[in-house]
Amino acid sequence: MQKKIFNGFQIIHDLIKLRWVPEILKSIHLGNRRYNEILKSIPNMSHTELNRKLLILAQRGVISRRVEDNIIYYSLLSFGSDLIHIFHHLEDLEDKYFEASV
């Protein structure tokens, strides 16, 4: 069990330690499916960085990239939805245990 927990943590850590990944996933989760929608929803993010992170997330099976009538759409895969669920729990922990101590 300990090894499974460590491996699961490592997989998640390798993704969320990358700058902008949580913001990108949250943006897609909130309904921003097209490149420009995602870019506009994340202040200070560059085109280059968004392209790089979308490629990484697609390669790791977190999001899907679909082309329809020359328009690219991004959506969360099951793994991406699970990560969103984890982000919500992390936000809850922060609210519960760290907000009060500030």
PDB file of N, CA and C in Angstrom:
ATOM      1  N   MET A   1       0.812  -1.192   0.000  1.00  0.00           N
ATOM      2  CA  MET A   1       0.000   0.000   0.000  1.00  0.00           C
ATOM      3  C   MET A   1       0.863   1.266   0.000  1.00  0.00           C
ATOM      4  N   GLN A   2       1.921   1.266   0.782  1.00  0.00           N
ATOM      5  CA  GLN A   2       2.778   2.443   0.860  1.00  0.00           C
ATOM      6  C   GLN A   2       3.385   2.763  -0.505  1.00  0.00           C
ATOM      7  N   LYS A   3       3.789   1.737  -1.252  1.00  0.00           N
ATOM      8  CA  LYS A   3       4.371   1.957  -2.571  1.00  0.00           C
ATOM      9  C   LYS A   3       3.339   2.547  -3.528  1.00  0.00           C
ATOM     10  N   LYS A   4       2.088   2.071  -3.452  1.00  0.00           N
ATOM     11  CA  LYS A   4       1.032   2.608  -4.306  1.00  0.00           C
ATOM     12  C   LYS A   4       0.788   4.080  -4.002  1.00  0.00           C
ATOM     13  N   ILE A   5       0.766   4.422  -2.727  1.00  0.00           N
ATOM     14  CA  ILE A   5       0.563   5.818  -2.346  1.00  0.00           C
ATOM     15  C   ILE A   5       1.718   6.668  -2.859  1.00  0.00           C
ATOM     16  N   PHE A   6       2.940   6.187  -2.681  1.00  0.00           N
ATOM     17  CA  PHE A   6       4.107   6.932  -3.153  1.00  0.00           C
ATOM     18  C   PHE A   6       4.058   7.108  -4.665  1.00  0.00           C
ATOM     19  N   ASN A   7       3.765   6.035  -5.398  1.00  0.00           N
ATOM     20  CA  ASN A   7       3.713   6.115  -6.860  1.00  0.00           C
ATOM     21  C   ASN A   7       2.613   7.069  -7.321  1.00  0.00           C
ATOM     22  N   GLY A   8       1.447   6.990  -6.682  1.00  0.00           N
ATOM     23  CA  GLY A   8       0.359   7.902  -7.023  1.00  0.00           C
ATOM     24  C   GLY A   8       0.736   9.347  -6.756  1.00  0.00           C
ATOM     25  N   PHE A   9       1.370   9.580  -5.616  1.00  0.00           N
ATOM     26  CA  PHE A   9       1.816  10.924  -5.281  1.00  0.00           C
ATOM     27  C   PHE A   9       2.833  11.413  -6.306  1.00  0.00           C
ATOM     28  N   GLN A  10       3.750  10.561  -6.705  1.00  0.00           N
ATOM     29  CA  GLN A  10       4.788  10.942  -7.660  1.00  0.00           C
ATOM     30  C   GLN A  10       4.187  11.337  -9.004  1.00  0.00           C
ATOM     31  N   ILE A  11       3.201  10.575  -9.465  1.00  0.00           N
ATOM     32  CA  ILE A  11       2.542  10.882 -10.737  1.00  0.00           C
ATOM     33  C   ILE A  11       1.884  12.257 -10.669  1.00  0.00           C
ATOM     34  N   ILE A  12       1.167  12.500  -9.588  1.00  0.00           N
ATOM     35  CA  ILE A  12       0.473  13.777  -9.428  1.00  0.00           C
ATOM     36  C   ILE A  12       1.469  14.916  -9.255  1.00  0.00           C
ATOM     37  N   HIS A  13       2.471  14.704  -8.445  1.00  0.00           N
ATOM     38  CA  HIS A  13       3.482  15.732  -8.189  1.00  0.00           C
ATOM     39  C   HIS A  13       4.199  16.136  -9.473  1.00  0.00           C
ATOM     40  N   ASP A  14       4.531  15.164 -10.314  1.00  0.00           N
ATOM     41  CA  ASP A  14       5.226  15.459 -11.566  1.00  0.00           C
ATOM     42  C   ASP A  14       4.412  16.379 -12.472  1.00  0.00           C
ATOM     43  N   LEU A  15       3.101  16.332 -12.360  1.00  0.00           N
ATOM     44  CA  LEU A  15       2.254  17.210 -13.168  1.00  0.00           C
ATOM     45  C   LEU A  15       2.001  18.552 -12.497  1.00  0.00           C
ATOM     46  N   ILE A  16       1.612  18.536 -11.237  1.00  0.00           N
ATOM     47  CA  ILE A  16       1.216  19.803 -10.625  1.00  0.00           C
ATOM     48  C   ILE A  16       2.402  20.687 -10.259  1.00  0.00           C
ATOM     49  N   LYS A  17       3.598  20.128 -10.264  1.00  0.00           N
ATOM     50  CA  LYS A  17       4.762  20.981  -9.997  1.00  0.00           C
ATOM     51  C   LYS A  17       5.098  21.843 -11.212  1.00  0.00           C
ATOM     52  N   LEU A  18       4.572  21.458 -12.383  1.00  0.00           N
ATOM     53  CA  LEU A  18       4.804  22.247 -13.584  1.00  0.00           C
ATOM     54  C   LEU A  18       3.960  23.516 -13.515  1.00  0.00           C
ATOM     55  N   ARG A  19       4.602  24.631 -13.704  1.00  0.00           N
ATOM     56  CA  ARG A  19       3.883  25.899 -13.649  1.00  0.00           C
ATOM     57  C   ARG A  19       2.760  25.915 -14.675  1.00  0.00           C
ATOM     58  N   TRP A  20       1.640  26.452 -14.303  1.00  0.00           N
ATOM     59  CA  TRP A  20       0.447  26.661 -15.128  1.00  0.00           C
ATOM     60  C   TRP A  20      -0.446  25.433 -15.298  1.00  0.00           C
ATOM     61  N   VAL A  21       0.010  24.247 -14.974  1.00  0.00           N
ATOM     62  CA  VAL A  21      -0.811  23.056 -15.207  1.00  0.00           C
ATOM     63  C   VAL A  21      -2.134  23.114 -14.436  1.00  0.00           C
ATOM     64  N   PRO A  22      -2.136  23.400 -13.136  1.00  0.00           N
ATOM     65  CA  PRO A  22      -3.431  23.475 -12.450  1.00  0.00           C
ATOM     66  C   PRO A  22      -4.368  24.521 -13.068  1.00  0.00           C
ATOM     67  N   GLU A  23      -3.814  25.663 -13.453  1.00  0.00           N
ATOM     68  CA  GLU A  23      -4.628  26.717 -14.051  1.00  0.00           C
ATOM     69  C   GLU A  23      -5.216  26.280 -15.392  1.00  0.00           C
ATOM     70  N   ILE A  24      -4.422  25.600 -16.201  1.00  0.00           N
ATOM     71  CA  ILE A  24      -4.902  25.120 -17.505  1.00  0.00           C
ATOM     72  C   ILE A  24      -6.022  24.105 -17.318  1.00  0.00           C
ATOM     73  N   LEU A  25      -5.808  23.157 -16.425  1.00  0.00           N
ATOM     74  CA  LEU A  25      -6.825  22.132 -16.203  1.00  0.00           C
ATOM     75  C   LEU A  25      -8.107  22.747 -15.652  1.00  0.00           C
ATOM     76  N   LYS A  26      -7.975  23.684 -14.743  1.00  0.00           N
ATOM     77  CA  LYS A  26      -9.162  24.336 -14.185  1.00  0.00           C
ATOM     78  C   LYS A  26      -9.897  25.124 -15.269  1.00  0.00           C
ATOM     79  N   SER A  27      -9.155  25.778 -16.146  1.00  0.00           N
ATOM     80  CA  SER A  27      -9.763  26.532 -17.236  1.00  0.00           C
ATOM     81  C   SER A  27     -10.573  25.612 -18.153  1.00  0.00           C
ATOM     82  N   ILE A  28      -9.993  24.487 -18.517  1.00  0.00           N
ATOM     83  CA  ILE A  28     -10.707  23.531 -19.369  1.00  0.00           C
ATOM     84  C   ILE A  28     -11.931  22.997 -18.630  1.00  0.00           C
ATOM     85  N   HIS A  29     -11.761  22.696 -17.363  1.00  0.00           N
ATOM     86  CA  HIS A  29     -12.870  22.200 -16.539  1.00  0.00           C
ATOM     87  C   HIS A  29     -14.024  23.205 -16.490  1.00  0.00           C
ATOM     88  N   LEU A  30     -13.706  24.484 -16.486  1.00  0.00           N
ATOM     89  CA  LEU A  30     -14.726  25.531 -16.419  1.00  0.00           C
ATOM     90  C   LEU A  30     -15.378  25.817 -17.771  1.00  0.00           C
ATOM     91  N   GLY A  31     -14.975  25.077 -18.809  1.00  0.00           N
ATOM     92  CA  GLY A  31     -15.647  25.204 -20.103  1.00  0.00           C
ATOM     93  C   GLY A  31     -14.863  25.890 -21.193  1.00  0.00           C
ATOM     94  N   ASN A  32     -13.651  26.299 -20.914  1.00  0.00           N
ATOM     95  CA  ASN A  32     -12.809  26.905 -21.943  1.00  0.00           C
ATOM     96  C   ASN A  32     -12.161  25.787 -22.751  1.00  0.00           C
ATOM     97  N   ARG A  33     -12.705  25.511 -23.921  1.00  0.00           N
ATOM     98  CA  ARG A  33     -12.273  24.360 -24.715  1.00  0.00           C
ATOM     99  C   ARG A  33     -11.309  24.717 -25.840  1.00  0.00           C
ATOM    100  N   ARG A  34     -11.321  25.965 -26.266  1.00  0.00           N
ATOM    101  CA  ARG A  34     -10.475  26.360 -27.390  1.00  0.00           C
ATOM    102  C   ARG A  34      -9.225  27.072 -26.875  1.00  0.00           C
ATOM    103  N   TYR A  35      -8.182  27.024 -27.687  1.00  0.00           N
ATOM    104  CA  TYR A  35      -6.879  27.566 -27.305  1.00  0.00           C
ATOM    105  C   TYR A  35      -6.984  29.003 -26.782  1.00  0.00           C
ATOM    106  N   ASN A  36      -7.594  29.887 -27.571  1.00  0.00           N
ATOM    107  CA  ASN A  36      -7.666  31.294 -27.170  1.00  0.00           C
ATOM    108  C   ASN A  36      -8.498  31.501 -25.913  1.00  0.00           C
ATOM    109  N   GLU A  37      -9.519  30.684 -25.717  1.00  0.00           N
ATOM    110  CA  GLU A  37     -10.316  30.781 -24.493  1.00  0.00           C
ATOM    111  C   GLU A  37      -9.463  30.432 -23.274  1.00  0.00           C
ATOM    112  N   ILE A  38      -8.674  29.385 -23.417  1.00  0.00           N
ATOM    113  CA  ILE A  38      -7.792  28.973 -22.316  1.00  0.00           C
ATOM    114  C   ILE A  38      -6.763  30.067 -22.042  1.00  0.00           C
ATOM    115  N   LEU A  39      -6.137  30.557 -23.111  1.00  0.00           N
ATOM    116  CA  LEU A  39      -5.105  31.585 -22.972  1.00  0.00           C
ATOM    117  C   LEU A  39      -5.656  32.843 -22.294  1.00  0.00           C
ATOM    118  N   LYS A  40      -6.824  33.292 -22.716  1.00  0.00           N
ATOM    119  CA  LYS A  40      -7.419  34.510 -22.142  1.00  0.00           C
ATOM    120  C   LYS A  40      -7.838  34.327 -20.686  1.00  0.00           C
ATOM    121  N   SER A  41      -8.111  33.093 -20.296  1.00  0.00           N
ATOM    122  CA  SER A  41      -8.581  32.855 -18.925  1.00  0.00           C
ATOM    123  C   SER A  41      -7.449  32.796 -17.902  1.00  0.00           C
ATOM    124  N   ILE A  42      -6.202  32.776 -18.378  1.00  0.00           N
ATOM    125  CA  ILE A  42      -5.053  32.660 -17.473  1.00  0.00           C
ATOM    126  C   ILE A  42      -4.153  33.884 -17.653  1.00  0.00           C
ATOM    127  N   PRO A  43      -4.246  34.859 -16.762  1.00  0.00           N
ATOM    128  CA  PRO A  43      -3.424  36.069 -16.886  1.00  0.00           C
ATOM    129  C   PRO A  43      -1.928  35.754 -16.888  1.00  0.00           C
ATOM    130  N   ASN A  44      -1.205  36.488 -17.707  1.00  0.00           N
ATOM    131  CA  ASN A  44       0.261  36.434 -17.794  1.00  0.00           C
ATOM    132  C   ASN A  44       0.818  35.158 -18.418  1.00  0.00           C
ATOM    133  N   MET A  45       0.000  34.331 -19.008  1.00  0.00           N
ATOM    134  CA  MET A  45       0.499  33.116 -19.646  1.00  0.00           C
ATOM    135  C   MET A  45       0.841  33.425 -21.101  1.00  0.00           C
ATOM    136  N   SER A  46       1.995  32.932 -21.557  1.00  0.00           N
ATOM    137  CA  SER A  46       2.421  33.172 -22.932  1.00  0.00           C
ATOM    138  C   SER A  46       1.912  32.070 -23.861  1.00  0.00           C
ATOM    139  N   HIS A  47       1.863  32.395 -25.155  1.00  0.00           N
ATOM    140  CA  HIS A  47       1.478  31.403 -26.166  1.00  0.00           C
ATOM    141  C   HIS A  47       2.414  30.202 -26.124  1.00  0.00           C
ATOM    142  N   THR A  48       3.702  30.481 -26.033  1.00  0.00           N
ATOM    143  CA  THR A  48       4.697  29.406 -26.038  1.00  0.00           C
ATOM    144  C   THR A  48       4.491  28.458 -24.872  1.00  0.00           C
ATOM    145  N   GLU A  49       4.271  29.010 -23.707  1.00  0.00           N
ATOM    146  CA  GLU A  49       4.101  28.179 -22.514  1.00  0.00           C
ATOM    147  C   GLU A  49       2.807  27.376 -22.586  1.00  0.00           C
ATOM    148  N   LEU A  50       1.739  27.987 -23.075  1.00  0.00           N
ATOM    149  CA  LEU A  50       0.481  27.248 -23.202  1.00  0.00           C
ATOM    150  C   LEU A  50       0.631  26.100 -24.194  1.00  0.00           C
ATOM    151  N   ASN A  51       1.253  26.360 -25.333  1.00  0.00           N
ATOM    152  CA  ASN A  51       1.487  25.282 -26.309  1.00  0.00           C
ATOM    153  C   ASN A  51       2.273  24.139 -25.687  1.00  0.00           C
ATOM    154  N   ARG A  52       3.320  24.475 -24.977  1.00  0.00           N
ATOM    155  CA  ARG A  52       4.183  23.467 -24.357  1.00  0.00           C
ATOM    156  C   ARG A  52       3.401  22.624 -23.342  1.00  0.00           C
ATOM    157  N   LYS A  53       2.635  23.285 -22.492  1.00  0.00           N
ATOM    158  CA  LYS A  53       1.900  22.563 -21.453  1.00  0.00           C
ATOM    159  C   LYS A  53       0.756  21.734 -22.031  1.00  0.00           C
ATOM    160  N   LEU A  54       0.055  22.236 -23.047  1.00  0.00           N
ATOM    161  CA  LEU A  54      -1.013  21.451 -23.672  1.00  0.00           C
ATOM    162  C   LEU A  54      -0.451  20.180 -24.295  1.00  0.00           C
ATOM    163  N   LEU A  55       0.717  20.269 -24.899  1.00  0.00           N
ATOM    164  CA  LEU A  55       1.365  19.093 -25.484  1.00  0.00           C
ATOM    165  C   LEU A  55       1.717  18.077 -24.398  1.00  0.00           C
ATOM    166  N   ILE A  56       2.305  18.533 -23.311  1.00  0.00           N
ATOM    167  CA  ILE A  56       2.665  17.640 -22.196  1.00  0.00           C
ATOM    168  C   ILE A  56       1.420  16.963 -21.634  1.00  0.00           C
ATOM    169  N   LEU A  57       0.370  17.739 -21.410  1.00  0.00           N
ATOM    170  CA  LEU A  57      -0.856  17.182 -20.836  1.00  0.00           C
ATOM    171  C   LEU A  57      -1.510  16.163 -21.768  1.00  0.00           C
ATOM    172  N   ALA A  58      -1.455  16.414 -23.057  1.00  0.00           N
ATOM    173  CA  ALA A  58      -2.010  15.455 -24.023  1.00  0.00           C
ATOM    174  C   ALA A  58      -1.163  14.185 -24.061  1.00  0.00           C
ATOM    175  N   GLN A  59       0.157  14.338 -24.044  1.00  0.00           N
ATOM    176  CA  GLN A  59       1.048  13.171 -24.076  1.00  0.00           C
ATOM    177  C   GLN A  59       0.888  12.299 -22.840  1.00  0.00           C
ATOM    178  N   ARG A  60       0.568  12.899 -21.715  1.00  0.00           N
ATOM    179  CA  ARG A  60       0.436  12.144 -20.460  1.00  0.00           C
ATOM    180  C   ARG A  60      -0.984  11.641 -20.208  1.00  0.00           C
ATOM    181  N   GLY A  61      -1.863  11.851 -21.178  1.00  0.00           N
ATOM    182  CA  GLY A  61      -3.215  11.323 -21.060  1.00  0.00           C
ATOM    183  C   GLY A  61      -4.116  12.077 -20.101  1.00  0.00           C
ATOM    184  N   VAL A  62      -3.827  13.362 -19.925  1.00  0.00           N
ATOM    185  CA  VAL A  62      -4.620  14.186 -19.016  1.00  0.00           C
ATOM    186  C   VAL A  62      -5.744  14.895 -19.778  1.00  0.00           C
ATOM    187  N   ILE A  63      -5.439  15.350 -20.994  1.00  0.00           N
ATOM    188  CA  ILE A  63      -6.422  16.027 -21.840  1.00  0.00           C
ATOM    189  C   ILE A  63      -6.431  15.384 -23.217  1.00  0.00           C
ATOM    190  N   SER A  64      -7.502  15.650 -23.951  1.00  0.00           N
ATOM    191  CA  SER A  64      -7.546  15.218 -25.349  1.00  0.00           C
ATOM    192  C   SER A  64      -7.576  16.455 -26.231  1.00  0.00           C
ATOM    193  N   ARG A  65      -7.078  16.287 -27.432  1.00  0.00           N
ATOM    194  CA  ARG A  65      -7.057  17.356 -28.430  1.00  0.00           C
ATOM    195  C   ARG A  65      -7.838  16.847 -29.628  1.00  0.00           C
ATOM    196  N   ARG A  66      -8.894  17.575 -29.993  1.00  0.00           N
ATOM    197  CA  ARG A  66      -9.755  17.142 -31.092  1.00  0.00           C
ATOM    198  C   ARG A  66      -9.861  18.282 -32.098  1.00  0.00           C
ATOM    199  N   VAL A  67      -9.730  17.941 -33.391  1.00  0.00           N
ATOM    200  CA  VAL A  67      -9.859  18.937 -34.451  1.00  0.00           C
ATOM    201  C   VAL A  67     -11.186  18.703 -35.160  1.00  0.00           C
ATOM    202  N   GLU A  68     -11.963  19.774 -35.264  1.00  0.00           N
ATOM    203  CA  GLU A  68     -13.273  19.707 -35.907  1.00  0.00           C
ATOM    204  C   GLU A  68     -13.444  20.961 -36.758  1.00  0.00           C
ATOM    205  N   ASP A  69     -13.554  20.784 -38.075  1.00  0.00           N
ATOM    206  CA  ASP A  69     -13.676  21.922 -39.000  1.00  0.00           C
ATOM    207  C   ASP A  69     -12.539  22.925 -38.807  1.00  0.00           C
ATOM    208  N   ASN A  70     -11.322  22.417 -38.716  1.00  0.00           N
ATOM    209  CA  ASN A  70     -10.108  23.223 -38.521  1.00  0.00           C
ATOM    210  C   ASN A  70     -10.084  24.006 -37.205  1.00  0.00           C
ATOM    211  N   ILE A  71     -10.922  23.626 -36.267  1.00  0.00           N
ATOM    212  CA  ILE A  71     -10.921  24.244 -34.941  1.00  0.00           C
ATOM    213  C   ILE A  71     -10.482  23.179 -33.942  1.00  0.00           C
ATOM    214  N   ILE A  72      -9.529  23.551 -33.083  1.00  0.00           N
ATOM    215  CA  ILE A  72      -9.005  22.609 -32.094  1.00  0.00           C
ATOM    216  C   ILE A  72      -9.754  22.802 -30.780  1.00  0.00           C
ATOM    217  N   TYR A  73     -10.197  21.682 -30.230  1.00  0.00           N
ATOM    218  CA  TYR A  73     -10.887  21.672 -28.945  1.00  0.00           C
ATOM    219  C   TYR A  73     -10.106  20.801 -27.969  1.00  0.00           C
ATOM    220  N   TYR A  74     -10.036  21.241 -26.738  1.00  0.00           N
ATOM    221  CA  TYR A  74      -9.388  20.473 -25.679  1.00  0.00           C
ATOM    222  C   TYR A  74     -10.443  20.064 -24.661  1.00  0.00           C
ATOM    223  N   SER A  75     -10.278  18.873 -24.113  1.00  0.00           N
ATOM    224  CA  SER A  75     -11.180  18.426 -23.051  1.00  0.00           C
ATOM    225  C   SER A  75     -10.409  17.549 -22.079  1.00  0.00           C
ATOM    226  N   LEU A  76     -10.936  17.461 -20.876  1.00  0.00           N
ATOM    227  CA  LEU A  76     -10.311  16.629 -19.854  1.00  0.00           C
ATOM    228  C   LEU A  76     -10.622  15.167 -20.118  1.00  0.00           C
ATOM    229  N   LEU A  77      -9.621  14.338 -19.984  1.00  0.00           N
ATOM    230  CA  LEU A  77      -9.835  12.901 -19.973  1.00  0.00           C
ATOM    231  C   LEU A  77     -10.100  12.496 -18.525  1.00  0.00           C
ATOM    232  N   SER A  78     -10.307  11.235 -18.298  1.00  0.00           N
ATOM    233  CA  SER A  78     -10.614  10.744 -16.953  1.00  0.00           C
ATOM    234  C   SER A  78      -9.534  11.156 -15.949  1.00  0.00           C
ATOM    235  N   PHE A  79      -8.272  11.029 -16.347  1.00  0.00           N
ATOM    236  CA  PHE A  79      -7.160  11.408 -15.475  1.00  0.00           C
ATOM    237  C   PHE A  79      -7.239  12.897 -15.136  1.00  0.00           C
ATOM    238  N   GLY A  80      -7.550  13.730 -16.125  1.00  0.00           N
ATOM    239  CA  GLY A  80      -7.681  15.162 -15.888  1.00  0.00           C
ATOM    240  C   GLY A  80      -8.806  15.483 -14.923  1.00  0.00           C
ATOM    241  N   SER A  81      -9.926  14.787 -15.065  1.00  0.00           N
ATOM    242  CA  SER A  81     -11.046  14.982 -14.140  1.00  0.00           C
ATOM    243  C   SER A  81     -10.668  14.571 -12.724  1.00  0.00           C
ATOM    244  N   ASP A  82      -9.903  13.490 -12.611  1.00  0.00           N
ATOM    245  CA  ASP A  82      -9.428  13.065 -11.290  1.00  0.00           C
ATOM    246  C   ASP A  82      -8.509  14.117 -10.675  1.00  0.00           C
ATOM    247  N   LEU A  83      -7.659  14.724 -11.495  1.00  0.00           N
ATOM    248  CA  LEU A  83      -6.774  15.774 -10.980  1.00  0.00           C
ATOM    249  C   LEU A  83      -7.578  16.981 -10.501  1.00  0.00           C
ATOM    250  N   ILE A  84      -8.619  17.350 -11.234  1.00  0.00           N
ATOM    251  CA  ILE A  84      -9.486  18.456 -10.804  1.00  0.00           C
ATOM    252  C   ILE A  84     -10.084  18.138  -9.439  1.00  0.00           C
ATOM    253  N   HIS A  85     -10.520  16.912  -9.270  1.00  0.00           N
ATOM    254  CA  HIS A  85     -11.080  16.469  -7.989  1.00  0.00           C
ATOM    255  C   HIS A  85     -10.041  16.633  -6.870  1.00  0.00           C
ATOM    256  N   ILE A  86      -8.797  16.268  -7.147  1.00  0.00           N
ATOM    257  CA  ILE A  86      -7.714  16.419  -6.167  1.00  0.00           C
ATOM    258  C   ILE A  86      -7.462  17.897  -5.876  1.00  0.00           C
ATOM    259  N   PHE A  87      -7.485  18.748  -6.909  1.00  0.00           N
ATOM    260  CA  PHE A  87      -7.285  20.183  -6.698  1.00  0.00           C
ATOM    261  C   PHE A  87      -8.357  20.749  -5.768  1.00  0.00           C
ATOM    262  N   HIS A  88      -9.599  20.304  -5.953  1.00  0.00           N
ATOM    263  CA  HIS A  88     -10.679  20.772  -5.073  1.00  0.00           C
ATOM    264  C   HIS A  88     -10.404  20.371  -3.624  1.00  0.00           C
ATOM    265  N   HIS A  89      -9.916  19.159  -3.430  1.00  0.00           N
ATOM    266  CA  HIS A  89      -9.583  18.718  -2.071  1.00  0.00           C
ATOM    267  C   HIS A  89      -8.435  19.542  -1.490  1.00  0.00           C
ATOM    268  N   LEU A  90      -7.442  19.850  -2.302  1.00  0.00           N
ATOM    269  CA  LEU A  90      -6.333  20.679  -1.826  1.00  0.00           C
ATOM    270  C   LEU A  90      -6.831  22.070  -1.432  1.00  0.00           C
ATOM    271  N   GLU A  91      -7.739  22.633  -2.228  1.00  0.00           N
ATOM    272  CA  GLU A  91      -8.315  23.934  -1.882  1.00  0.00           C
ATOM    273  C   GLU A  91      -9.092  23.849  -0.569  1.00  0.00           C
ATOM    274  N   ASP A  92      -9.840  22.765  -0.392  1.00  0.00           N
ATOM    275  CA  ASP A  92     -10.586  22.573   0.858  1.00  0.00           C
ATOM    276  C   ASP A  92      -9.649  22.480   2.059  1.00  0.00           C
ATOM    277  N   LEU A  93      -8.541  21.756   1.892  1.00  0.00           N
ATOM    278  CA  LEU A  93      -7.568  21.643   2.981  1.00  0.00           C
ATOM    279  C   LEU A  93      -6.976  23.001   3.323  1.00  0.00           C
ATOM    280  N   GLU A  94      -6.669  23.774   2.292  1.00  0.00           N
ATOM    281  CA  GLU A  94      -6.107  25.102   2.519  1.00  0.00           C
ATOM    282  C   GLU A  94      -7.109  25.970   3.276  1.00  0.00           C
ATOM    283  N   ASP A  95      -8.369  25.922   2.854  1.00  0.00           N
ATOM    284  CA  ASP A  95      -9.412  26.697   3.540  1.00  0.00           C
ATOM    285  C   ASP A  95      -9.575  26.255   4.992  1.00  0.00           C
ATOM    286  N   LYS A  96      -9.555  24.966   5.201  1.00  0.00           N
ATOM    287  CA  LYS A  96      -9.828  24.417   6.527  1.00  0.00           C
ATOM    288  C   LYS A  96      -8.671  24.615   7.506  1.00  0.00           C
ATOM    289  N   TYR A  97      -7.447  24.412   7.038  1.00  0.00           N
ATOM    290  CA  TYR A  97      -6.317  24.377   7.969  1.00  0.00           C
ATOM    291  C   TYR A  97      -5.368  25.566   7.895  1.00  0.00           C
ATOM    292  N   PHE A  98      -5.346  26.282   6.785  1.00  0.00           N
ATOM    293  CA  PHE A  98      -4.345  27.336   6.662  1.00  0.00           C
ATOM    294  C   PHE A  98      -4.933  28.734   6.626  1.00  0.00           C
ATOM    295  N   GLU A  99      -6.155  28.888   6.186  1.00  0.00           N
ATOM    296  CA  GLU A  99      -6.785  30.203   6.178  1.00  0.00           C
ATOM    297  C   GLU A  99      -6.870  30.775   7.586  1.00  0.00           C
ATOM    298  N   ALA A 100      -7.273  29.953   8.532  1.00  0.00           N
ATOM    299  CA  ALA A 100      -7.470  30.412   9.911  1.00  0.00           C
ATOM    300  C   ALA A 100      -6.163  30.821  10.578  1.00  0.00           C
ATOM    301  N   SER A 101      -5.053  30.249  10.154  1.00  0.00           N
ATOM    302  CA  SER A 101      -3.774  30.532  10.814  1.00  0.00           C
ATOM    303  C   SER A 101      -3.086  31.770  10.266  1.00  0.00           C
ATOM    304  N   VAL A 102      -3.613  32.350   9.205  1.00  0.00           N
ATOM    305  CA  VAL A 102      -2.979  33.535   8.611  1.00  0.00           C
ATOM    306  C   VAL A 102      -3.416  34.788   9.305  1.00  0.00           C
TER     307      VAL A 102
END
